[in-house]
Protein backbone atom coordinates (compact mmCIF):
# COMPACT_ATOMS: atom_id res chain seq x y z
CA MET A 1 -153.57 -81.71 107.49
CA PRO A 2 -150.29 -81.61 105.48
CA ALA A 3 -150.11 -79.16 102.58
CA LEU A 4 -150.37 -80.58 99.07
CA ALA A 5 -146.89 -80.68 97.58
CA ILE A 6 -146.45 -79.24 94.09
CA ALA A 7 -144.57 -81.65 91.87
CA ARG A 8 -142.42 -78.95 90.26
CA PRO A 9 -142.07 -75.15 90.23
CA VAL A 10 -144.58 -73.32 88.08
CA ASP A 11 -143.02 -70.26 86.49
CA THR A 12 -145.47 -69.20 83.82
CA LEU A 13 -149.20 -68.98 83.33
CA ALA A 14 -148.99 -71.47 80.47
CA ALA A 15 -147.23 -73.99 82.66
CA LEU A 16 -149.81 -73.44 85.39
CA GLU A 17 -152.61 -73.96 82.88
CA ASP A 18 -151.04 -77.24 81.73
CA GLU A 19 -150.62 -78.34 85.34
CA ILE A 20 -154.30 -77.71 86.10
CA ALA A 21 -155.43 -79.56 82.97
CA THR A 22 -153.15 -82.51 83.70
CA LEU A 23 -154.31 -82.81 87.29
CA ALA A 24 -157.95 -82.53 86.17
CA ALA A 25 -157.42 -85.42 83.76
CA GLN A 26 -155.76 -87.51 86.46
CA LEU A 27 -158.54 -86.77 88.91
CA THR A 28 -161.14 -87.74 86.31
CA ALA A 29 -159.40 -91.08 85.72
CA ALA A 30 -159.01 -91.61 89.45
CA THR A 31 -162.69 -90.82 90.00
CA ALA A 32 -163.59 -93.37 87.33
CA ARG A 33 -161.54 -95.98 89.16
CA LEU A 34 -163.15 -94.93 92.45
CA LEU A 35 -166.63 -95.45 91.00
CA GLU A 36 -165.66 -98.84 89.58
CA CYS A 37 -164.44 -99.89 93.04
CA ILE A 38 -167.68 -98.60 94.58
CA ARG A 39 -169.70 -100.57 92.03
CA GLN A 40 -167.82 -103.78 92.83
CA PHE A 41 -168.02 -103.18 96.58
CA ASP A 42 -171.76 -102.51 96.28
CA ALA A 43 -172.32 -105.66 94.18
CA LEU A 44 -170.46 -107.74 96.77
CA GLU A 45 -172.50 -106.03 99.51
CA GLY A 46 -169.37 -105.32 101.49
CA TRP A 47 -171.20 -102.47 103.19
CA ALA A 48 -173.57 -104.99 104.79
CA GLN A 49 -170.66 -106.73 106.50
CA GLN A 50 -170.00 -103.42 108.22
CA GLY A 51 -173.64 -103.24 109.32
CA SER A 52 -174.29 -100.09 107.30
CA ARG A 53 -177.81 -99.35 106.11
CA THR A 54 -176.79 -98.81 102.48
CA CYS A 55 -173.64 -98.56 100.39
CA ALA A 56 -174.04 -94.77 100.43
CA HIS A 57 -174.11 -94.70 104.25
CA TRP A 58 -170.94 -96.80 104.36
CA LEU A 59 -169.24 -94.58 101.76
CA SER A 60 -170.12 -91.46 103.71
CA TRP A 61 -168.75 -92.96 106.93
CA ARG A 62 -165.61 -94.41 105.33
CA THR A 63 -164.58 -91.51 103.07
CA GLY A 64 -166.14 -88.44 104.68
CA LEU A 65 -168.42 -87.65 101.73
CA ASP A 66 -171.68 -85.87 102.36
CA LEU A 67 -174.48 -88.48 102.32
CA GLY A 68 -176.13 -86.85 99.30
CA ALA A 69 -172.85 -86.91 97.36
CA ALA A 70 -172.29 -90.52 98.43
CA ARG A 71 -175.72 -91.53 97.11
CA GLU A 72 -174.93 -89.85 93.78
CA HIS A 73 -171.59 -91.68 93.57
CA VAL A 74 -173.34 -95.00 94.12
CA ARG A 75 -176.03 -94.17 91.55
CA VAL A 76 -173.47 -93.25 88.88
CA ALA A 77 -171.32 -96.27 89.71
CA ARG A 78 -174.28 -98.62 89.25
CA ALA A 79 -175.30 -96.96 86.00
CA LEU A 80 -171.80 -97.21 84.52
CA GLY A 81 -171.85 -100.96 85.12
CA GLU A 82 -174.42 -101.16 82.29
CA LEU A 83 -172.69 -98.59 80.05
CA PRO A 84 -169.21 -99.93 79.18
CA ARG A 85 -168.34 -97.41 76.45
CA LEU A 86 -169.20 -94.41 78.59
CA ALA A 87 -167.29 -96.01 81.48
CA ALA A 88 -164.22 -96.51 79.28
CA ALA A 89 -164.27 -92.91 78.04
CA PHE A 90 -164.65 -91.71 81.61
CA GLY A 91 -161.79 -93.93 82.76
CA SER A 92 -159.44 -92.58 80.10
CA GLY A 93 -160.22 -89.00 81.13
CA GLU A 94 -162.06 -88.08 77.93
CA ILE A 95 -165.31 -87.19 79.70
CA SER A 96 -165.54 -85.31 82.99
CA TYR A 97 -167.46 -86.51 86.02
CA SER A 98 -169.96 -83.65 85.57
CA LYS A 99 -170.91 -84.96 82.13
CA ILE A 100 -171.01 -88.58 83.23
CA ARG A 101 -173.21 -87.70 86.18
CA ALA A 102 -175.65 -85.98 83.83
CA VAL A 103 -175.83 -88.54 81.01
CA THR A 104 -176.22 -91.51 83.37
CA ARG A 105 -179.61 -90.07 84.40
CA ILE A 106 -181.02 -90.91 80.96
CA ALA A 107 -178.53 -93.30 79.33
CA ARG A 108 -179.59 -96.75 78.20
CA PRO A 109 -177.56 -99.31 76.26
CA GLU A 110 -179.35 -98.35 73.03
CA THR A 111 -178.59 -94.63 73.45
CA GLU A 112 -175.07 -95.02 74.84
CA ASP A 113 -173.21 -94.34 71.59
CA ASP A 114 -175.22 -91.21 70.83
CA LEU A 115 -174.73 -89.83 74.34
CA LEU A 116 -171.03 -90.66 74.22
CA GLY A 117 -170.66 -88.58 71.06
CA ILE A 118 -172.62 -85.70 72.56
CA ALA A 119 -170.61 -85.81 75.81
CA ARG A 120 -167.36 -85.65 73.84
CA GLU A 121 -168.52 -82.74 71.68
CA ALA A 122 -170.52 -80.59 74.09
CA THR A 123 -169.70 -78.65 77.21
CA ALA A 124 -170.91 -79.78 80.62
CA ALA A 125 -173.59 -77.05 80.63
CA GLN A 126 -174.85 -78.17 77.22
CA VAL A 127 -175.01 -81.81 78.35
CA GLU A 128 -177.06 -80.82 81.41
CA ARG A 129 -179.45 -78.84 79.21
CA LEU A 130 -179.82 -81.74 76.79
CA VAL A 131 -180.63 -84.14 79.65
CA ARG A 132 -183.30 -81.77 80.97
CA ALA A 133 -184.79 -81.42 77.46
CA TYR A 134 -184.86 -85.18 76.98
CA ARG A 135 -186.69 -85.74 80.25
CA ARG A 136 -189.33 -83.15 79.29
CA ALA A 137 -189.83 -84.53 75.79
CA ASP A 138 -193.00 -86.12 74.51
CA PRO A 139 -195.42 -85.20 77.35
CA ALA A 140 -198.32 -86.60 75.34
CA ALA A 141 -196.80 -90.07 75.59
CA GLU A 142 -196.47 -89.69 79.35
CA ASN A 143 -200.16 -88.83 79.67
CA ALA A 144 -201.40 -91.50 77.27
CA GLY A 145 -203.39 -94.14 79.04
CA ALA A 146 -203.83 -92.08 82.22
CA MET A 147 -207.54 -92.85 82.38
CA ALA A 148 -206.87 -96.52 81.77
CA GLN A 149 -204.40 -96.47 84.65
CA HIS A 150 -206.97 -94.83 86.91
CA GLU A 151 -209.67 -97.32 86.01
CA GLY A 152 -207.26 -100.20 86.40
CA ARG A 153 -206.31 -99.49 90.02
CA TRP A 154 -206.84 -102.30 92.56
CA LEU A 155 -205.48 -103.71 95.80
CA ASN A 156 -206.03 -107.17 97.27
CA VAL A 157 -204.77 -108.63 100.56
CA HIS A 158 -205.04 -112.16 101.93
CA TRP A 159 -203.30 -114.57 104.30
CA ASP A 160 -201.52 -117.45 102.62
CA GLU A 161 -201.11 -121.00 103.86
CA ARG A 162 -197.86 -120.10 105.66
CA GLY A 163 -199.55 -117.40 107.69
CA MET A 164 -197.99 -114.55 105.72
CA LEU A 165 -199.95 -111.55 104.52
CA VAL A 166 -199.95 -111.26 100.71
CA VAL A 167 -200.45 -107.77 99.26
CA GLU A 168 -201.01 -107.33 95.52
CA GLY A 169 -202.22 -104.36 93.56
CA ARG A 170 -201.80 -101.66 90.94
CA LEU A 171 -201.90 -97.92 91.51
CA PRO A 172 -202.03 -94.96 89.11
CA PRO A 173 -198.83 -92.92 88.90
CA GLU A 174 -199.81 -90.09 91.26
CA GLN A 175 -200.87 -92.51 94.00
CA GLY A 176 -197.94 -94.80 93.31
CA ALA A 177 -195.54 -91.88 93.68
CA ILE A 178 -196.93 -91.13 97.15
CA VAL A 179 -196.60 -94.77 98.19
CA LEU A 180 -193.03 -94.97 96.87
CA LYS A 181 -192.09 -91.73 98.65
CA ALA A 182 -193.52 -93.09 101.90
CA LEU A 183 -191.66 -96.38 101.45
CA GLU A 184 -188.44 -94.55 100.62
CA ALA A 185 -188.74 -92.41 103.73
CA ALA A 186 -189.48 -95.45 105.90
CA GLU A 187 -187.08 -97.96 104.36
CA GLN A 188 -185.05 -99.78 106.96
CA GLU A 189 -182.72 -102.71 106.40
CA ALA A 190 -182.42 -105.78 108.62
CA TRP A 191 -180.13 -108.76 108.11
CA ARG A 192 -182.33 -111.47 109.51
CA ALA A 193 -185.47 -111.91 111.56
CA ALA A 194 -184.26 -114.73 113.80
CA ARG A 195 -181.13 -116.68 114.68
CA ASP A 196 -182.25 -119.77 112.77
CA VAL A 197 -182.47 -117.79 109.50
CA PRO A 198 -179.23 -117.84 107.47
CA ALA A 199 -177.35 -114.56 107.65
CA GLY A 200 -177.57 -112.38 104.59
CA THR A 201 -178.34 -108.96 103.24
CA PRO A 202 -182.01 -108.18 102.59
CA SER A 203 -182.94 -107.75 98.95
CA ALA A 204 -184.71 -104.66 97.64
CA PRO A 205 -188.13 -106.37 97.88
CA GLN A 206 -187.37 -107.38 101.47
CA ARG A 207 -186.40 -103.81 102.35
CA ARG A 208 -189.64 -102.55 100.81
CA ALA A 209 -191.58 -105.06 102.91
CA ASP A 210 -189.87 -103.72 106.03
CA ALA A 211 -190.68 -100.18 104.93
CA LEU A 212 -194.36 -101.03 104.44
CA GLY A 213 -194.51 -102.27 108.03
CA ARG A 214 -192.95 -99.01 109.19
CA VAL A 215 -195.51 -96.97 107.22
CA ALA A 216 -198.31 -98.95 108.86
CA ALA A 217 -196.81 -98.34 112.31
CA ASP A 218 -196.60 -94.62 111.55
CA ALA A 219 -200.27 -94.59 110.55
CA LEU A 220 -201.20 -96.11 113.92
CA ALA A 221 -198.98 -93.65 115.78
CA HIS A 222 -200.57 -90.65 114.05
CA ASP A 223 -203.98 -92.04 114.89
CA GLY A 224 -203.48 -91.23 118.55
CA HIS A 225 -201.25 -94.06 119.73
CA ASP A 226 -198.14 -93.45 121.82
CA THR A 227 -195.45 -92.75 119.24
CA HIS A 228 -192.79 -94.51 121.32
CA ASP A 229 -194.96 -97.59 121.88
CA HIS A 230 -194.93 -98.16 118.14
CA ARG A 231 -195.36 -101.94 118.14
CA GLN A 232 -199.05 -102.27 118.93
CA VAL A 233 -198.93 -106.07 118.75
CA LEU A 234 -199.12 -108.43 121.73
CA VAL A 235 -196.23 -110.81 122.27
CA HIS A 236 -196.56 -113.59 124.85
CA VAL A 237 -193.23 -114.70 126.26
CA ASP A 238 -192.44 -116.71 129.37
CA ALA A 239 -190.17 -115.01 131.88
CA GLU A 240 -187.70 -117.90 131.62
CA VAL A 241 -187.38 -117.41 127.86
CA LEU A 242 -186.96 -113.65 128.23
CA ALA A 243 -184.14 -114.21 130.73
CA ASP A 244 -182.50 -117.04 128.76
CA PRO A 245 -183.22 -117.38 125.01
CA ALA A 246 -182.15 -121.03 125.18
CA ALA A 247 -184.78 -121.90 127.79
CA ASP A 248 -187.94 -123.83 126.96
CA GLY A 249 -191.16 -121.88 127.03
CA ARG A 250 -193.67 -119.84 125.09
CA CYS A 251 -192.64 -117.00 122.79
CA ALA A 252 -195.28 -116.10 120.21
CA LEU A 253 -197.46 -113.37 118.78
CA ASP A 254 -200.94 -113.07 120.21
CA HIS A 255 -203.06 -115.48 118.15
CA GLY A 256 -200.11 -115.82 115.82
CA PRO A 257 -196.92 -117.73 115.03
CA ALA A 258 -193.91 -118.31 117.26
CA LEU A 259 -191.12 -115.76 117.54
CA ALA A 260 -187.41 -116.20 118.16
CA ALA A 261 -186.57 -115.52 121.79
CA GLU A 262 -183.95 -112.92 120.84
CA THR A 263 -186.58 -111.08 118.78
CA ALA A 264 -188.79 -110.91 121.86
CA ARG A 265 -185.85 -109.55 123.88
CA ARG A 266 -185.28 -106.84 121.25
CA LEU A 267 -188.95 -105.84 121.32
CA ALA A 268 -188.94 -105.83 125.12
CA CYS A 269 -186.06 -103.33 125.18
CA ASP A 270 -188.45 -100.50 124.43
CA ALA A 271 -192.08 -101.56 124.82
CA THR A 272 -194.93 -101.70 127.27
CA VAL A 273 -194.67 -104.75 129.54
CA ILE A 274 -197.55 -106.37 131.43
CA GLU A 275 -196.62 -109.10 133.88
CA MET A 276 -199.17 -111.94 134.03
CA ARG A 277 -199.20 -114.73 136.62
CA HIS A 278 -200.81 -118.02 135.60
CA GLY A 279 -202.44 -120.02 138.39
CA ASP A 280 -204.24 -123.32 138.32
CA ASP A 281 -207.59 -121.81 137.50
CA HIS A 282 -206.99 -118.14 136.73
CA VAL A 283 -204.64 -115.60 135.19
CA ALA A 284 -203.75 -112.45 137.14
CA ALA A 285 -202.46 -109.39 135.28
CA GLY A 286 -199.97 -107.20 137.04
CA ARG A 287 -199.43 -103.47 136.65
CA LYS A 288 -198.73 -102.18 133.15
CA ARG A 289 -195.41 -100.37 133.00
CA ARG A 290 -193.08 -98.83 130.48
CA THR A 291 -189.51 -100.05 130.28
CA ILE A 292 -188.17 -96.54 129.51
CA SER A 293 -189.93 -93.51 130.97
CA THR A 294 -190.68 -90.39 128.93
CA ARG A 295 -188.22 -88.35 130.98
CA LEU A 296 -185.45 -90.92 130.50
CA ARG A 297 -186.16 -91.11 126.79
CA ARG A 298 -185.79 -87.37 126.45
CA ALA A 299 -182.41 -87.56 128.14
CA LEU A 300 -181.42 -90.47 125.88
CA ASP A 301 -182.45 -88.58 122.74
CA ALA A 302 -180.61 -85.46 123.89
CA ARG A 303 -177.42 -87.41 124.61
CA ASP A 304 -177.29 -89.60 121.50
CA GLY A 305 -179.03 -87.45 118.90
CA GLY A 306 -179.82 -90.54 116.82
CA CYS A 307 -178.52 -94.04 116.21
CA VAL A 308 -175.11 -94.55 117.85
CA PHE A 309 -174.02 -97.26 115.39
CA PRO A 310 -170.93 -95.96 113.53
CA GLY A 311 -171.87 -94.30 110.25
CA CYS A 312 -175.66 -94.35 110.83
CA THR A 313 -177.57 -91.08 110.45
CA ASN A 314 -181.03 -92.38 111.36
CA ARG A 315 -182.70 -90.29 114.06
CA ARG A 316 -185.69 -92.55 114.58
CA CYS A 317 -184.51 -95.02 117.20
CA ASP A 318 -185.43 -97.56 119.82
CA GLY A 319 -184.01 -97.45 123.31
CA HIS A 320 -181.66 -100.43 123.65
CA HIS A 321 -180.57 -101.92 126.96
CA VAL A 322 -176.86 -102.68 126.59
CA GLU A 323 -177.30 -105.20 129.40
CA HIS A 324 -180.86 -106.42 128.97
CA TRP A 325 -183.20 -105.71 131.86
CA ALA A 326 -184.18 -109.40 131.90
CA ASP A 327 -180.53 -110.13 132.71
CA GLY A 328 -180.50 -107.64 135.55
CA GLY A 329 -179.50 -104.57 133.53
CA ALA A 330 -180.85 -101.35 134.99
CA THR A 331 -183.08 -98.98 133.03
CA VAL A 332 -180.73 -96.05 133.57
CA LEU A 333 -179.09 -93.71 131.08
CA PRO A 334 -175.57 -95.27 131.21
CA ASN A 335 -177.08 -98.66 130.27
CA LEU A 336 -179.18 -97.32 127.39
CA ALA A 337 -178.28 -96.59 123.77
CA SER A 338 -180.23 -95.29 120.78
CA LEU A 339 -180.36 -97.77 117.88
CA CYS A 340 -182.43 -97.64 114.71
CA ASP A 341 -184.50 -100.66 113.71
CA GLN A 342 -181.80 -102.16 111.51
CA HIS A 343 -178.97 -101.84 114.00
CA HIS A 344 -181.15 -102.85 116.95
CA THR A 345 -181.87 -106.06 115.02
CA LEU A 346 -178.18 -106.57 114.25
CA VAL A 347 -177.23 -106.24 117.92
CA HIS A 348 -179.88 -108.75 119.04
CA GLU A 349 -180.39 -111.25 116.23
CA GLY A 350 -177.49 -110.40 113.91
CA GLY A 351 -174.59 -111.42 116.13
CA PHE A 352 -173.18 -107.90 116.62
CA ARG A 353 -172.12 -107.04 120.16
CA MET A 354 -172.28 -103.80 122.10
CA ARG A 355 -170.53 -102.60 125.25
CA ALA A 356 -171.00 -99.36 127.17
CA LEU A 357 -167.76 -97.42 127.72
CA GLY A 358 -169.28 -94.61 129.78
CA ALA A 359 -169.97 -90.94 129.03
CA GLY A 360 -172.35 -91.91 126.23
CA ARG A 361 -169.72 -93.90 124.29
CA PHE A 362 -170.14 -97.46 123.10
CA GLU A 363 -168.02 -100.17 121.55
CA LEU A 364 -169.55 -102.14 118.65
CA ARG A 365 -168.13 -105.42 117.41
CA ARG A 366 -168.94 -107.42 114.30
CA PRO A 367 -169.96 -111.07 114.67
CA ASP A 368 -166.32 -112.07 114.09
CA GLY A 369 -165.27 -109.97 117.09
CA THR A 370 -163.56 -107.11 115.25
CA VAL A 371 -164.25 -103.63 116.60
CA ILE A 372 -166.10 -101.13 114.39
CA PRO A 373 -164.31 -97.81 114.96
CA PRO A 374 -166.45 -94.69 115.39
CA VAL A 375 -164.18 -92.99 112.84
CA PRO A 376 -162.41 -95.15 110.22
CA ALA A 377 -158.63 -95.23 110.02
CA THR A 378 -156.87 -92.90 107.63
CA PRO A 379 -156.10 -94.76 104.38
CA ARG A 380 -152.54 -95.43 103.37
CA SER A 381 -150.84 -92.97 101.06
CA ALA A 382 -152.21 -93.07 97.55
CA GLU A 383 -150.05 -94.15 94.65
CA ALA A 384 -149.26 -91.78 91.82
CA LEU A 385 -152.32 -90.79 89.84
CA PRO A 386 -152.59 -92.40 86.39
CA ALA A 387 -151.89 -90.63 83.15
CA ALA A 388 -155.08 -89.60 81.39
CA THR A 389 -156.51 -87.48 78.63
CA THR A 390 -157.79 -84.05 79.66
CA PRO A 391 -161.62 -84.02 79.36
CA VAL A 392 -161.93 -81.09 76.95
CA ALA A 393 -165.09 -80.53 74.89
CA VAL A 394 -164.44 -80.14 71.16
CA TRP A 395 -167.36 -77.75 70.71
CA ARG A 396 -166.32 -74.77 68.58
CA GLY A 397 -169.20 -72.40 69.27
CA ASP A 398 -171.77 -73.59 66.74
CA ARG A 399 -175.36 -73.89 67.95
CA LEU A 400 -176.29 -77.27 69.45
CA ASP A 401 -179.68 -78.42 68.12
CA TYR A 402 -181.27 -79.81 71.28
CA ASP A 403 -184.54 -80.75 69.53
CA TRP A 404 -182.67 -82.80 66.95
CA ALA A 405 -180.55 -84.50 69.60
CA VAL A 406 -183.53 -85.34 71.81
CA SER A 407 -185.59 -86.67 68.90
CA GLY A 408 -182.66 -88.89 67.92
CA LEU A 409 -182.39 -90.32 71.42
CA LEU A 410 -186.14 -90.91 71.59
CA GLY A 411 -185.92 -92.73 68.29
CA ARG A 412 -183.34 -95.11 69.73
CA VAL A 413 -185.66 -96.22 72.53
CA ALA A 414 -188.91 -96.20 70.55
């Protein structure tokens, strides 16, 4: 990595101090521009075109940020889209990223002006303390109606006329928090469920629906089922359809609706298969077998360590046949790859293509044929950083009345 060139000689401590302050201001302004670009990229869902699970996963892969830091960047970027005055002050270098990161946790349009004034006046430590005080304020209001919430809990489920399961309900906060945590842990994205569905990025409600299915599968697995055979649902598919998705034949859930042939091929990559022969007056079931043995799966997990799709950090994966076994592909380690639910779906139904290169390496291509590099290219040299105001607090040592500030903010949102 080349050394950072100093623009000019620094001969005195005062000059060095000015240099540090100037660079800090420029970095603040550049960070503001970075977050604005992230917000726009996120809104356009450019990360989905890459096949990334979320904007944060794409940002981590593309820029080398830690995933936690990438998530925080995306959160702040989204928040600033609703807070134009804070965004402008940040962009001019008046307010540091540390302050912006703190105030965006509690800022609303009606409190934006107050928080902007506080962020300009106070130090970063004082802003953090104020945010913590605000979030702890008025505990009585948080507890009001708790019994009403408990008594008002309910959950209903029913099948609608389209054969879809409808789930409706209300949960008290403590139960709701557990459900949300489980959904957050299980959330997986998928672009589309079948080839005849228009391509697109799943919405937040769609992702939560996928997560609920994953939570249900986990409950079955922990109830004594084989954790790798996590789809405990029968799919009936004719051998001709499994070998050629364009062929005529049956492909449907047991006592349920039809499935896309490519969906059946994806499920068959890593599931229990029972061959059944239909005669004129009887049906004969063949031997039940697993596509991927336990020993082979262990080797696959040890080699890949998680999803092999560039930029993905998911460690819960299916075993994918690069050349499907229905097409003659062998169930051997060189022909297998670990893919999470989302990326397994993209490779089968989403138009992405995968090729084994040997030694546990794979080539992934987008639907348009462009290769997704395992490591993104180094960006071109950055232009000169913009001029900006140094984000200096104007606090002069007088005591900051946190109670007064918090009560004022609460009054804005009352």
